[in-house]
C-alpha atoms as a PDB file:
ATOM      1  CA  UNK A   1     -91.936 -21.895 294.933  1.00  0.00           C
ATOM      2  CA  UNK A   2     -89.976 -19.110 293.413  1.00  0.00           C
ATOM      3  CA  UNK A   3     -90.982 -17.494 290.075  1.00  0.00           C
ATOM      4  CA  UNK A   4     -88.729 -17.888 287.181  1.00  0.00           C
ATOM      5  CA  UNK A   5     -85.615 -15.643 287.483  1.00  0.00           C
ATOM      6  CA  UNK A   6     -84.527 -13.632 284.391  1.00  0.00           C
ATOM      7  CA  UNK A   7     -82.056 -16.173 283.296  1.00  0.00           C
ATOM      8  CA  UNK A   8     -84.684 -18.874 283.437  1.00  0.00           C
ATOM      9  CA  UNK A   9     -87.249 -16.771 281.716  1.00  0.00           C
ATOM     10  CA  UNK A  10     -84.769 -16.167 278.742  1.00  0.00           C
ATOM     11  CA  UNK A  11     -83.840 -19.825 278.515  1.00  0.00           C
ATOM     12  CA  UNK A  12     -87.597 -20.898 278.439  1.00  0.00           C
ATOM     13  CA  UNK A  13     -88.346 -18.308 275.921  1.00  0.00           C
ATOM     14  CA  UNK A  14     -85.486 -19.671 273.804  1.00  0.00           C
ATOM     15  CA  UNK A  15     -87.213 -23.063 273.578  1.00  0.00           C
ATOM     16  CA  UNK A  16     -88.918 -23.676 270.208  1.00  0.00           C
ATOM     17  CA  UNK A  17     -92.693 -22.924 270.415  1.00  0.00           C
ATOM     18  CA  UNK A  18     -92.481 -21.010 273.670  1.00  0.00           C
ATOM     19  CA  UNK A  19     -93.197 -17.323 273.246  1.00  0.00           C
ATOM     20  CA  UNK A  20     -94.619 -14.533 275.606  1.00  0.00           C
ATOM     21  CA  UNK A  21     -98.231 -15.767 275.251  1.00  0.00           C
ATOM     22  CA  UNK A  22     -97.377 -19.429 276.385  1.00  0.00           C
ATOM     23  CA  UNK A  23     -95.211 -18.044 279.229  1.00  0.00           C
ATOM     24  CA  UNK A  24     -98.064 -15.702 280.262  1.00  0.00           C
ATOM     25  CA  UNK A  25    -100.485 -18.602 280.297  1.00  0.00           C
ATOM     26  CA  UNK A  26     -98.027 -20.698 282.477  1.00  0.00           C
ATOM     27  CA  UNK A  27     -97.726 -17.736 284.887  1.00  0.00           C
ATOM     28  CA  UNK A  28    -101.476 -17.473 285.087  1.00  0.00           C
ATOM     29  CA  UNK A  29    -101.728 -21.244 285.957  1.00  0.00           C
ATOM     30  CA  UNK A  30     -99.101 -20.760 288.668  1.00  0.00           C
ATOM     31  CA  UNK A  31     -96.504 -22.668 286.654  1.00  0.00           C
ATOM     32  CA  UNK A  32     -93.977 -19.978 286.759  1.00  0.00           C
ATOM     33  CA  UNK A  33     -91.778 -22.016 288.965  1.00  0.00           C
ATOM     34  CA  UNK A  34     -89.306 -24.658 287.626  1.00  0.00           C
ATOM     35  CA  UNK A  35     -90.150 -27.394 290.015  1.00  0.00           C
ATOM     36  CA  UNK A  36     -93.926 -26.743 289.640  1.00  0.00           C
ATOM     37  CA  UNK A  37     -93.607 -26.799 285.853  1.00  0.00           C
ATOM     38  CA  UNK A  38     -91.544 -29.933 285.870  1.00  0.00           C
ATOM     39  CA  UNK A  39     -94.187 -31.732 288.066  1.00  0.00           C
ATOM     40  CA  UNK A  40     -97.089 -30.720 285.923  1.00  0.00           C
ATOM     41  CA  UNK A  41     -98.806 -32.901 283.367  1.00  0.00           C
ATOM     42  CA  UNK A  42     -99.021 -31.799 279.918  1.00  0.00           C
ATOM     43  CA  UNK A  43    -102.601 -32.831 279.450  1.00  0.00           C
ATOM     44  CA  UNK A  44    -103.598 -30.873 282.622  1.00  0.00           C
ATOM     45  CA  UNK A  45    -101.792 -27.732 281.485  1.00  0.00           C
ATOM     46  CA  UNK A  46    -103.502 -27.957 277.963  1.00  0.00           C
ATOM     47  CA  UNK A  47    -107.035 -28.303 279.607  1.00  0.00           C
ATOM     48  CA  UNK A  48    -106.256 -25.437 282.011  1.00  0.00           C
ATOM     49  CA  UNK A  49    -105.055 -23.218 279.044  1.00  0.00           C
ATOM     50  CA  UNK A  50    -108.217 -24.093 277.029  1.00  0.00           C
ATOM     51  CA  UNK A  51    -110.220 -23.032 280.112  1.00  0.00           C
ATOM     52  CA  UNK A  52    -108.388 -19.662 280.633  1.00  0.00           C
ATOM     53  CA  UNK A  53    -108.300 -18.820 276.996  1.00  0.00           C
ATOM     54  CA  UNK A  54    -111.888 -19.884 276.314  1.00  0.00           C
ATOM     55  CA  UNK A  55    -110.465 -21.606 273.235  1.00  0.00           C
ATOM     56  CA  UNK A  56    -110.292 -25.401 272.532  1.00  0.00           C
ATOM     57  CA  UNK A  57    -107.149 -24.674 270.345  1.00  0.00           C
ATOM     58  CA  UNK A  58    -104.980 -25.390 273.659  1.00  0.00           C
ATOM     59  CA  UNK A  59    -106.382 -28.787 273.836  1.00  0.00           C
ATOM     60  CA  UNK A  60    -106.620 -29.591 270.229  1.00  0.00           C
ATOM     61  CA  UNK A  61    -103.490 -27.916 268.603  1.00  0.00           C
ATOM     62  CA  UNK A  62    -100.494 -30.087 267.910  1.00  0.00           C
ATOM     63  CA  UNK A  63     -98.401 -26.901 268.291  1.00  0.00           C
ATOM     64  CA  UNK A  64     -99.724 -26.236 271.700  1.00  0.00           C
ATOM     65  CA  UNK A  65     -99.054 -29.772 272.864  1.00  0.00           C
ATOM     66  CA  UNK A  66     -95.518 -29.557 271.471  1.00  0.00           C
ATOM     67  CA  UNK A  67     -94.962 -26.181 273.239  1.00  0.00           C
ATOM     68  CA  UNK A  68     -96.187 -27.389 276.483  1.00  0.00           C
ATOM     69  CA  UNK A  69     -94.319 -30.717 276.135  1.00  0.00           C
ATOM     70  CA  UNK A  70     -91.165 -28.777 275.462  1.00  0.00           C
ATOM     71  CA  UNK A  71     -91.716 -26.431 278.317  1.00  0.00           C
ATOM     72  CA  UNK A  72     -92.269 -29.307 280.821  1.00  0.00           C
ATOM     73  CA  UNK A  73     -89.229 -31.110 279.428  1.00  0.00           C
ATOM     74  CA  UNK A  74     -87.131 -28.044 279.848  1.00  0.00           C
ATOM     75  CA  UNK A  75     -88.227 -27.708 283.475  1.00  0.00           C
ATOM     76  CA  UNK A  76     -87.411 -31.294 284.127  1.00  0.00           C
ATOM     77  CA  UNK A  77     -84.024 -30.954 282.545  1.00  0.00           C
ATOM     78  CA  UNK A  78     -83.396 -27.745 284.755  1.00  0.00           C
ATOM     79  CA  UNK A  79     -84.279 -29.722 287.791  1.00  0.00           C
ATOM     80  CA  UNK A  80     -82.227 -32.667 287.028  1.00  0.00           C
ATOM     81  CA  UNK A  81     -79.177 -30.587 286.241  1.00  0.00           C
ATOM     82  CA  UNK A  82     -79.545 -28.589 289.433  1.00  0.00           C
ATOM     83  CA  UNK A  83     -79.848 -25.339 287.286  1.00  0.00           C
ATOM     84  CA  UNK A  84     -83.077 -24.327 288.986  1.00  0.00           C
ATOM     85  CA  UNK A  85     -82.602 -20.906 290.661  1.00  0.00           C
ATOM     86  CA  UNK A  86     -78.830 -20.867 290.542  1.00  0.00           C
ATOM     87  CA  UNK A  87     -78.471 -17.847 292.652  1.00  0.00           C
ATOM     88  CA  UNK A  88     -79.912 -19.702 295.598  1.00  0.00           C
ATOM     89  CA  UNK A  89     -77.499 -20.721 298.230  1.00  0.00           C
ATOM     90  CA  UNK A  90     -76.518 -24.307 297.761  1.00  0.00           C
ATOM     91  CA  UNK A  91     -77.377 -26.954 300.376  1.00  0.00           C
ATOM     92  CA  UNK A  92     -74.060 -28.772 299.461  1.00  0.00           C
ATOM     93  CA  UNK A  93     -70.968 -28.583 301.481  1.00  0.00           C
ATOM     94  CA  UNK A  94     -67.904 -28.023 299.364  1.00  0.00           C
ATOM     95  CA  UNK A  95     -64.297 -28.406 300.584  1.00  0.00           C
ATOM     96  CA  UNK A  96     -62.452 -25.191 300.943  1.00  0.00           C
END
């Protein structure tokens, strides 16, 4: 697992509903990695967020659900497009 790099952080924060507080909660849950976030279940994230914050808002708020759904979708799209951690060396062999 690799924490989100700067470009990924900026990209995730550009998603509607995702702000520094949501990002901080995701980091506290260990979901600051694109692959981990993509594999996470929205309901589980909302329950963990409620436990961490001590507030049921995370489980009951339509805004929280929309934000977390958007974050997971963002991560799934990054993984599908191969954009996760673009500075890592590629495992693909390209012709010279």
